Protein backbone atom coordinates (compact mmCIF):
# COMPACT_ATOMS: atom_id res chain seq x y z
CA MET A 1 5.02 43.69 69.66
CA SER A 2 3.55 46.24 72.17
CA ARG A 3 1.21 49.09 71.06
CA ASP A 4 1.09 52.32 73.12
CA SER A 5 -1.78 54.12 71.08
CA PHE A 6 -4.63 52.61 69.00
CA SER A 7 -8.13 53.29 67.97
CA TYR A 8 -11.00 50.99 68.41
CA ASP A 9 -14.65 50.14 67.42
CA PRO A 10 -16.63 53.40 67.70
CA GLN A 11 -20.43 52.66 68.47
CA ASP A 12 -22.36 54.65 65.74
CA THR A 13 -26.31 54.17 66.02
CA GLY A 14 -26.66 55.78 62.38
CA ASP A 15 -29.58 54.26 60.24
CA VAL A 16 -28.30 51.71 58.24
CA ARG A 17 -30.27 49.90 55.49
CA GLU A 18 -29.33 47.47 52.78
CA ALA A 19 -31.10 46.83 49.39
CA SER A 20 -30.58 44.42 46.84
CA ARG A 21 -29.80 45.84 43.34
CA ARG A 22 -33.65 45.90 42.59
CA ALA A 23 -34.26 47.82 45.56
CA SER A 24 -35.91 45.41 47.84
CA VAL A 25 -35.27 47.05 51.17
CA ARG A 26 -34.69 44.95 54.27
CA SER A 27 -34.88 45.78 57.80
CA PRO A 28 -32.28 48.54 59.26
CA GLY A 29 -28.99 47.09 60.16
CA ARG A 30 -29.56 43.60 58.79
CA ALA A 31 -27.48 42.34 55.99
CA PRO A 32 -28.89 40.07 53.32
CA LEU A 33 -28.29 36.45 54.00
CA ASP A 34 -26.36 35.59 50.89
CA THR A 35 -23.79 38.39 51.82
CA GLN A 36 -22.80 36.41 55.03
CA LYS A 37 -21.98 33.27 53.19
CA SER A 38 -18.25 32.31 52.86
CA ARG A 39 -17.00 35.48 54.14
CA ASP A 40 -14.84 34.39 57.04
CA PRO A 41 -11.99 31.83 56.58
CA ALA A 42 -13.86 29.81 59.19
CA GLU A 43 -16.60 28.74 56.45
CA GLU A 44 -13.60 26.94 54.24
CA ALA A 45 -13.80 23.25 54.16
CA PRO A 46 -10.22 21.85 55.34
CA GLY A 47 -8.04 20.91 52.87
CA CYS A 48 -4.34 19.64 52.30
CA ARG A 49 -2.70 22.85 50.83
CA ASP A 50 0.96 24.08 51.23
CA SER A 51 0.90 27.06 53.54
CA THR A 52 2.42 29.45 50.79
CA GLU A 53 -0.62 28.64 48.40
CA VAL A 54 -3.71 30.83 48.36
CA ARG A 55 -6.53 29.90 50.42
CA GLU A 56 -9.79 30.53 48.54
CA GLN A 57 -11.60 32.49 51.52
CA HIS A 58 -14.14 33.92 48.87
CA PRO A 59 -16.06 32.17 46.37
CA ALA A 60 -14.34 32.29 43.03
CA ARG A 61 -16.65 34.08 40.51
CA GLU A 62 -16.08 36.14 37.46
CA GLU A 63 -16.39 39.71 37.59
CA GLN A 64 -19.76 39.78 35.75
CA SER A 65 -21.00 37.31 37.83
CA ASP A 66 -19.95 39.10 41.39
CA SER A 67 -23.31 40.50 42.36
CA ARG A 68 -23.69 44.04 43.75
CA ARG A 69 -25.73 45.42 46.22
CA VAL A 70 -26.63 48.58 47.66
CA TYR A 71 -25.69 49.46 51.36
CA TYR A 72 -27.05 52.45 52.86
CA PHE A 73 -25.54 54.39 55.55
CA ARG A 74 -27.40 57.76 56.75
CA ASP A 75 -27.88 59.77 53.78
CA ARG A 76 -25.19 57.66 51.56
CA ALA A 77 -26.06 54.81 49.01
CA TYR A 78 -22.96 52.53 48.28
CA LEU A 79 -23.18 50.12 45.36
CA LEU A 80 -20.56 47.49 46.19
CA ARG A 81 -19.53 44.01 44.60
CA ASP A 82 -19.44 40.99 47.03
CA SER A 83 -15.78 40.90 46.44
CA GLN A 84 -15.43 44.60 47.50
CA MET A 85 -17.08 43.97 50.77
CA HIS A 86 -15.25 41.05 51.32
CA SER A 87 -12.28 43.20 51.00
CA LEU A 88 -13.54 45.50 53.33
CA GLU A 89 -14.26 42.84 55.93
CA GLU A 90 -10.57 41.70 55.61
CA ILE A 91 -9.11 44.86 56.09
CA GLY A 92 -11.03 45.90 58.83
CA LYS A 93 -10.21 42.73 60.88
CA PHE A 94 -6.44 43.02 60.52
CA ARG A 95 -6.28 46.78 60.58
CA VAL A 96 -3.76 47.10 58.04
CA ILE A 97 -2.96 44.68 54.83
CA ALA A 98 -0.17 44.95 51.95
CA ALA A 99 -1.93 45.22 48.86
CA ALA A 100 0.05 42.66 47.23
CA ASP A 101 -1.03 40.09 49.99
CA LEU A 102 -4.75 41.10 49.69
CA ALA A 103 -4.55 40.19 45.87
CA GLN A 104 -2.91 36.98 46.75
CA PHE A 105 -5.40 35.82 49.33
CA ALA A 106 -8.51 37.77 49.04
CA TYR A 107 -8.49 37.60 45.04
CA ALA A 108 -6.86 34.23 44.44
CA GLY A 109 -3.82 36.09 42.72
CA ASN A 110 -5.69 38.10 40.53
CA ARG A 111 -3.91 41.74 40.92
CA GLU A 112 -6.20 43.50 38.18
CA ARG A 113 -9.28 42.73 39.93
CA MET A 114 -8.00 43.98 43.18
CA GLU A 115 -6.75 46.95 41.84
CA LYS A 116 -10.00 47.79 40.24
CA ASP A 117 -12.02 47.15 43.52
CA ILE A 118 -9.47 49.09 45.62
CA ARG A 119 -9.60 52.07 43.19
CA SER A 120 -13.60 52.01 43.76
CA LEU A 121 -13.70 51.84 47.15
CA ALA A 122 -10.85 54.49 47.61
CA ARG A 123 -13.13 56.94 45.36
CA GLU A 124 -16.02 56.40 47.81
CA PHE A 125 -13.62 57.14 50.86
CA LEU A 126 -14.08 53.57 52.39
CA VAL A 127 -10.34 52.69 52.15
CA SER A 128 -7.17 54.41 52.18
CA ASP A 129 -4.59 53.46 49.73
CA LYS A 130 -1.02 54.41 50.87
CA THR A 131 2.46 53.63 49.73
CA LEU A 132 4.86 54.34 52.78
CA GLU A 133 8.53 54.17 53.02
CA ILE A 134 9.44 51.38 55.51
CA SER A 135 13.37 51.86 55.25
CA GLN A 136 15.81 54.02 53.26
CA LYS A 137 15.39 52.01 50.18
CA LYS A 138 12.08 50.18 50.57
CA THR A 139 8.49 51.19 50.41
CA LEU A 140 5.35 49.48 51.07
CA ARG A 141 1.77 49.77 49.64
CA VAL A 142 -0.99 49.26 52.34
CA VAL A 143 -4.84 49.44 52.54
CA THR A 144 -6.66 50.55 55.81
CA LEU A 145 -10.27 51.47 56.43
CA THR A 146 -11.25 55.11 56.82
CA LYS A 147 -13.87 56.15 59.29
CA ALA A 148 -16.46 55.98 56.71
CA GLY A 149 -15.46 52.38 55.69
CA HIS A 150 -15.41 51.21 59.39
CA ARG A 151 -18.87 52.55 60.04
CA LEU A 152 -20.21 51.28 56.99
CA LEU A 153 -18.79 47.67 57.90
CA LYS A 154 -19.74 48.20 61.58
CA ASN A 155 -23.41 48.93 61.04
CA THR A 156 -24.02 46.68 58.17
CA ASN A 157 -23.46 43.43 60.35
CA GLN A 158 -21.01 42.04 57.77
CA VAL A 159 -18.90 40.50 60.38
CA PRO A 160 -19.87 38.61 63.69
CA GLY A 161 -20.56 40.79 66.47
CA ASN A 162 -17.80 39.22 68.59
CA GLN A 163 -15.06 40.05 65.66
CA SER A 164 -13.31 43.53 66.38
CA ILE A 165 -12.68 45.75 63.31
CA TYR A 166 -10.35 48.55 62.97
CA GLN A 167 -9.55 51.67 61.21
CA GLY A 168 -6.52 53.76 60.22
CA LEU A 169 -2.64 53.21 60.98
CA VAL A 170 -1.60 53.03 64.61
CA LYS A 171 2.25 53.51 64.19
CA ARG A 172 4.08 53.98 61.00
CA ARG A 173 7.18 52.64 62.07
CA GLU A 174 5.44 49.35 62.81
CA VAL A 175 3.35 49.15 59.60
CA LYS A 176 5.60 46.28 58.02
CA HIS A 177 5.14 44.25 60.96
CA ASP A 178 1.35 44.74 61.43
CA SER A 179 0.75 44.01 57.63
CA ASP A 180 2.39 40.68 57.77
CA LEU A 181 0.02 39.67 60.25
CA TYR A 182 -2.66 38.90 57.58
CA ARG A 183 0.18 36.73 55.61
CA LEU A 184 0.90 35.18 59.02
CA TYR A 185 -2.93 34.31 59.56
CA GLN A 186 -3.26 32.82 56.04
CA THR A 187 -0.29 30.62 56.86
CA GLU A 188 -1.47 29.51 60.19
CA ALA A 189 -5.09 29.03 59.26
CA ALA A 190 -4.28 26.73 56.41
CA ARG A 191 -2.20 24.44 58.89
CA ILE A 192 -5.33 24.63 61.03
CA GLU A 193 -7.38 23.43 58.23
CA ARG A 194 -5.13 20.71 57.27
CA GLY A 195 -5.69 19.35 60.61
CA GLY A 196 -9.33 19.28 60.37
CA GLY A 197 -9.94 22.60 62.28
CA ARG A 198 -11.96 25.68 61.19
CA PRO A 199 -10.87 29.32 62.18
CA VAL A 200 -13.75 31.19 63.41
CA ARG A 201 -12.26 34.39 64.95
CA VAL A 202 -8.98 36.81 64.76
CA ILE A 203 -8.08 38.56 67.85
CA LEU A 204 -5.15 40.94 67.55
CA GLU A 205 -2.62 42.14 70.42
CA PHE A 206 -4.35 45.16 71.09
CA GLU A 207 -7.72 43.50 71.97
CA LEU A 208 -5.92 40.94 74.39
CA MET A 209 -3.94 43.75 75.98
CA ARG A 210 -6.59 46.05 76.37
CA ASN A 211 -9.00 43.42 78.09
CA VAL A 212 -6.10 42.36 80.49
CA ASN A 213 -5.27 45.80 81.58
CA ARG A 214 -8.92 46.80 82.02
CA GLU A 215 -9.13 43.81 84.50
CA LEU A 216 -5.69 44.77 86.24
CA ALA A 217 -6.89 48.34 86.57
CA ARG A 218 -10.04 47.00 88.30
CA LEU A 219 -7.80 45.44 91.06
CA GLY A 220 -6.57 48.80 92.29
CA PRO A 221 -3.93 48.69 95.10
CA GLU A 222 -3.93 44.70 94.42
CA LYS A 223 -2.95 45.15 90.70
CA ASP A 224 0.58 43.88 91.61
CA ASP A 225 -0.49 41.00 93.67
CA PRO A 226 1.03 37.76 91.96
CA GLU A 227 -1.94 35.69 92.47
CA ARG A 228 -4.59 38.05 91.42
CA LYS A 229 -2.57 38.81 88.17
CA SER A 230 -1.92 34.97 87.65
CA HIS A 231 -5.71 34.55 87.99
CA ILE A 232 -6.48 37.10 85.45
CA ALA A 233 -3.81 35.66 83.02
CA ARG A 234 -5.35 32.31 82.94
CA ARG A 235 -8.62 33.52 82.67
CA HIS A 236 -7.54 35.13 79.24
CA GLY A 237 -5.55 32.13 78.59
CA LEU A 238 -2.02 33.82 79.13
CA GLN A 239 0.63 33.14 81.57
CA LEU A 240 2.09 35.42 84.25
CA LEU A 241 5.86 35.29 83.79
CA ASP A 242 8.30 37.21 86.04
CA GLY A 243 5.54 39.56 87.18
CA LYS A 244 4.47 40.05 83.59
CA ILE A 245 1.68 38.92 81.31
CA PRO A 246 2.97 38.40 77.74
CA VAL A 247 0.71 39.00 74.87
CA PRO A 248 1.10 37.54 71.65
CA ASP A 249 0.69 39.57 68.34
CA MET A 250 -2.34 37.58 67.17
CA ARG A 251 -4.66 34.88 68.73
CA ILE A 252 -6.83 32.56 66.15
CA GLU A 253 -9.68 31.03 67.74
CA TYR A 254 -10.87 27.74 65.94
CA GLU A 255 -13.06 25.00 66.24
CA SER A 256 -11.22 21.61 66.58
CA PRO A 257 -12.23 18.29 64.50
CA GLU A 258 -14.19 17.49 67.84
CA HIS A 259 -16.14 20.60 67.67
CA GLU A 260 -14.18 22.28 70.62
CA LEU A 261 -13.51 25.74 70.86
CA ARG A 262 -9.51 26.06 70.98
CA HIS A 263 -7.06 28.94 70.14
CA VAL A 264 -3.71 29.44 69.22
CA ASP A 265 -1.40 32.29 70.27
CA LEU A 266 0.90 33.81 67.34
CA GLU A 267 4.19 35.84 67.64
CA LEU A 268 5.99 37.26 64.60
CA ALA A 269 9.38 37.60 65.80
CA THR A 270 11.98 39.87 63.90
CA ARG A 271 15.47 40.38 64.03
CA ASP A 272 14.93 43.40 66.29
CA TYR A 273 13.89 41.12 69.26
CA ARG A 274 16.23 40.86 72.12
CA PRO A 275 17.14 37.58 73.35
CA LYS A 276 15.33 38.10 76.73
CA GLY A 277 12.25 39.08 75.07
CA LEU A 278 12.34 36.22 72.60
CA ALA A 279 12.80 33.55 75.56
CA GLU A 280 9.75 35.05 77.38
CA LYS A 281 7.59 34.40 74.04
CA VAL A 282 8.85 30.84 74.02
CA LYS A 283 8.12 30.46 77.85
CA ALA A 284 4.73 32.00 77.31
CA GLY A 285 3.77 29.04 74.80
CA PHE A 286 3.34 31.11 71.64
CA SER A 287 3.84 29.79 68.29
CA LEU A 288 6.77 31.58 66.59
CA TYR A 289 6.80 32.80 63.21
CA SER A 290 9.52 35.03 61.08
CA ARG A 291 10.45 36.41 57.79
CA SER A 292 12.52 34.08 55.86
CA GLU A 293 15.38 36.88 56.35
CA ASP A 294 15.12 36.53 60.17
CA ALA A 295 14.95 32.93 60.86
CA SER A 296 18.56 31.89 61.14
CA ARG A 297 19.48 34.48 63.56
CA LEU A 298 16.35 33.79 65.78
CA ARG A 299 17.08 30.25 65.74
CA ARG A 300 20.86 30.93 66.97
CA VAL A 301 19.43 33.04 69.74
CA LEU A 302 17.21 30.24 70.86
CA ASP A 303 19.99 27.89 70.64
CA GLU A 304 22.11 30.00 72.59
CA ARG A 305 19.49 30.07 75.30
CA GLU A 306 18.91 26.48 75.27
CA LEU A 307 15.22 26.93 74.50
CA THR A 308 13.33 24.36 72.38
CA ALA A 309 11.07 25.91 70.16
CA GLY A 310 10.54 26.18 66.09
CA ILE A 311 10.27 29.01 64.23
CA PHE A 312 8.06 28.81 61.20
CA SER A 313 8.99 30.99 58.11
CA LEU A 314 6.19 33.30 56.36
């Protein structure tokens, strides 16, 4: 799904320091080593799980043993639990997450503990917790990073340098689709791990599209030359189809069992997709997912166009 407007990582040079609860101050901008362990789903050992099961991304701890640390940014000090910092990381990587999905995947189904952490983060103005109307009869509660939360996460080096993080909403009418990408990631990451792989990075559509468009703009008058456009597409692991470069909703980069860096491109298709658009995604080689209520209609569209492609259900 294309995006026309966006916010991206602002570079802030504010003084950032971290200290343990005992106030042992480390050098500016450097995170304590133990806060970096088991943060990313990449650190999980592969296992045989059903895709709907909770993936344990974060070490399971009782609340009383979940250590706290002080994070300094400019003139503010934030005392955060490891689970709270982990939530900031997850929300930042995916821009927007449904509260129910955050509880299921980041808290192993412990809704009460998630609620407590989110309330605390919201009081510190690090996250925004909103319930939005997504249809005439349905609402969806979602969480996003605030500007302060984005800056804190960015400047305390809690995520790898090549992992983009985001703040705020882009388009409210697309919030359901965008929030479902977190669940899509969990499903596909579980499949990768069952095959012996290890997810290492998430790349959203915005980042891929931005990078492709930047290179096309540099071509100047040659930006519509098929050979030049095809070269740019291949450099980003994409294809040129009918003069366009289709971009997936999300790419997961992962390490294969042979320790090779690979990627899989994912598209979350909905009942609103036109047959031509859906066919384009199939020809581009994207792995298709859909909500269960949309799957049968999308399969009929593929059958009518005699396209062979599987559609996985969330």
